[in-house]
C-alpha atoms as a PDB file:
ATOM      1  CA  UNK A   1     150.318 129.817  84.884  1.00  0.00           C
ATOM      2  CA  UNK A   2     151.428 127.470  87.385  1.00  0.00           C
ATOM      3  CA  UNK A   3     149.296 125.120  88.923  1.00  0.00           C
ATOM      4  CA  UNK A   4     148.274 126.503  92.119  1.00  0.00           C
ATOM      5  CA  UNK A   5     147.133 129.810  89.419  1.00  0.00           C
ATOM      6  CA  UNK A   6     144.898 127.033  87.653  1.00  0.00           C
ATOM      7  CA  UNK A   7     143.056 125.818  90.549  1.00  0.00           C
ATOM      8  CA  UNK A   8     142.518 129.714  91.747  1.00  0.00           C
ATOM      9  CA  UNK A   9     140.812 130.397  88.356  1.00  0.00           C
ATOM     10  CA  UNK A  10     139.046 126.751  88.742  1.00  0.00           C
ATOM     11  CA  UNK A  11     138.053 127.918  91.598  1.00  0.00           C
ATOM     12  CA  UNK A  12     137.096 131.623  91.011  1.00  0.00           C
ATOM     13  CA  UNK A  13     135.331 131.249  87.663  1.00  0.00           C
ATOM     14  CA  UNK A  14     133.833 127.611  87.392  1.00  0.00           C
ATOM     15  CA  UNK A  15     130.154 128.423  88.354  1.00  0.00           C
ATOM     16  CA  UNK A  16     130.475 132.043  86.800  1.00  0.00           C
ATOM     17  CA  UNK A  17     131.048 130.209  83.216  1.00  0.00           C
ATOM     18  CA  UNK A  18     128.498 127.284  83.909  1.00  0.00           C
ATOM     19  CA  UNK A  19     126.039 130.057  84.565  1.00  0.00           C
ATOM     20  CA  UNK A  20     127.614 131.777  81.002  1.00  0.00           C
ATOM     21  CA  UNK A  21     126.688 128.852  79.365  1.00  0.00           C
ATOM     22  CA  UNK A  22     123.739 128.241  80.372  1.00  0.00           C
ATOM     23  CA  UNK A  23     122.374 131.500  78.705  1.00  0.00           C
ATOM     24  CA  UNK A  24     123.317 129.602  75.364  1.00  0.00           C
ATOM     25  CA  UNK A  25     122.846 126.399  76.029  1.00  0.00           C
ATOM     26  CA  UNK A  26     119.765 124.546  77.873  1.00  0.00           C
ATOM     27  CA  UNK A  27     121.561 121.220  78.912  1.00  0.00           C
ATOM     28  CA  UNK A  28     123.026 121.539  82.316  1.00  0.00           C
ATOM     29  CA  UNK A  29     125.084 118.840  82.130  1.00  0.00           C
ATOM     30  CA  UNK A  30     126.194 120.222  78.534  1.00  0.00           C
ATOM     31  CA  UNK A  31     126.953 123.738  79.933  1.00  0.00           C
ATOM     32  CA  UNK A  32     129.257 121.414  82.611  1.00  0.00           C
ATOM     33  CA  UNK A  33     131.009 119.748  80.110  1.00  0.00           C
ATOM     34  CA  UNK A  34     131.838 122.376  78.397  1.00  0.00           C
ATOM     35  CA  UNK A  35     133.383 124.414  81.074  1.00  0.00           C
ATOM     36  CA  UNK A  36     135.376 121.238  82.063  1.00  0.00           C
ATOM     37  CA  UNK A  37     136.579 121.236  78.289  1.00  0.00           C
ATOM     38  CA  UNK A  38     137.907 125.080  78.473  1.00  0.00           C
ATOM     39  CA  UNK A  39     139.136 123.963  81.816  1.00  0.00           C
ATOM     40  CA  UNK A  40     141.143 120.509  80.123  1.00  0.00           C
ATOM     41  CA  UNK A  41     142.150 123.203  77.396  1.00  0.00           C
ATOM     42  CA  UNK A  42     143.544 125.551  79.768  1.00  0.00           C
ATOM     43  CA  UNK A  43     145.315 122.613  81.777  1.00  0.00           C
ATOM     44  CA  UNK A  44     146.676 120.855  78.620  1.00  0.00           C
ATOM     45  CA  UNK A  45     148.575 124.471  77.637  1.00  0.00           C
ATOM     46  CA  UNK A  46     149.570 125.574  81.213  1.00  0.00           C
ATOM     47  CA  UNK A  47     152.398 126.696  80.761  1.00  0.00           C
ATOM     48  CA  UNK A  48     151.809 128.507  77.582  1.00  0.00           C
ATOM     49  CA  UNK A  49     148.970 130.898  79.122  1.00  0.00           C
ATOM     50  CA  UNK A  50     149.462 134.260  81.518  1.00  0.00           C
ATOM     51  CA  UNK A  51     147.283 134.420  83.936  1.00  0.00           C
ATOM     52  CA  UNK A  52     146.571 138.277  84.439  1.00  0.00           C
ATOM     53  CA  UNK A  53     144.390 137.260  80.619  1.00  0.00           C
ATOM     54  CA  UNK A  54     143.274 133.848  81.882  1.00  0.00           C
ATOM     55  CA  UNK A  55     139.758 134.455  82.611  1.00  0.00           C
ATOM     56  CA  UNK A  56     139.431 136.232  78.745  1.00  0.00           C
ATOM     57  CA  UNK A  57     140.914 132.986  77.974  1.00  0.00           C
ATOM     58  CA  UNK A  58     137.804 131.112  79.335  1.00  0.00           C
ATOM     59  CA  UNK A  59     135.329 132.788  78.070  1.00  0.00           C
ATOM     60  CA  UNK A  60     136.320 132.640  74.726  1.00  0.00           C
ATOM     61  CA  UNK A  61     136.505 129.113  74.603  1.00  0.00           C
ATOM     62  CA  UNK A  62     133.745 128.648  76.191  1.00  0.00           C
ATOM     63  CA  UNK A  63     131.995 130.902  73.802  1.00  0.00           C
ATOM     64  CA  UNK A  64     133.259 128.880  70.928  1.00  0.00           C
ATOM     65  CA  UNK A  65     132.208 125.325  72.417  1.00  0.00           C
ATOM     66  CA  UNK A  66     129.274 126.126  73.084  1.00  0.00           C
ATOM     67  CA  UNK A  67     128.502 127.827  69.717  1.00  0.00           C
ATOM     68  CA  UNK A  68     129.961 124.605  68.215  1.00  0.00           C
ATOM     69  CA  UNK A  69     128.136 122.696  70.260  1.00  0.00           C
ATOM     70  CA  UNK A  70     124.806 124.330  68.420  1.00  0.00           C
ATOM     71  CA  UNK A  71     126.119 124.211  65.482  1.00  0.00           C
ATOM     72  CA  UNK A  72     126.377 120.676  65.787  1.00  0.00           C
ATOM     73  CA  UNK A  73     122.446 119.713  67.422  1.00  0.00           C
ATOM     74  CA  UNK A  74     121.394 122.356  63.967  1.00  0.00           C
ATOM     75  CA  UNK A  75     123.132 119.850  61.767  1.00  0.00           C
ATOM     76  CA  UNK A  76     122.182 116.204  62.978  1.00  0.00           C
ATOM     77  CA  UNK A  77     118.561 118.425  63.813  1.00  0.00           C
ATOM     78  CA  UNK A  78     118.910 118.954  59.835  1.00  0.00           C
ATOM     79  CA  UNK A  79     119.570 114.963  58.562  1.00  0.00           C
ATOM     80  CA  UNK A  80     116.675 113.916  58.766  1.00  0.00           C
ATOM     81  CA  UNK A  81     115.426 116.215  56.895  1.00  0.00           C
ATOM     82  CA  UNK A  82     114.368 116.027  53.305  1.00  0.00           C
ATOM     83  CA  UNK A  83     113.386 118.639  50.534  1.00  0.00           C
END
């Protein structure tokens, strides 16, 4: 993937990815943060990502990032619970 392909992927998929994450995460800002982190991961690995699989890579990335965030929120919520 090159810079032009990255920009195309960003323009084409950003809104859809935010909507997808919104099905798992209620906070709008966190949804945008997750999608931003996924695109940052693509940017850091630009030469390693096949443009043909970039959409799937992004959806997989935001899914994992959202699950990790939800897990963190759950664990943070359990910190105050005593037996």
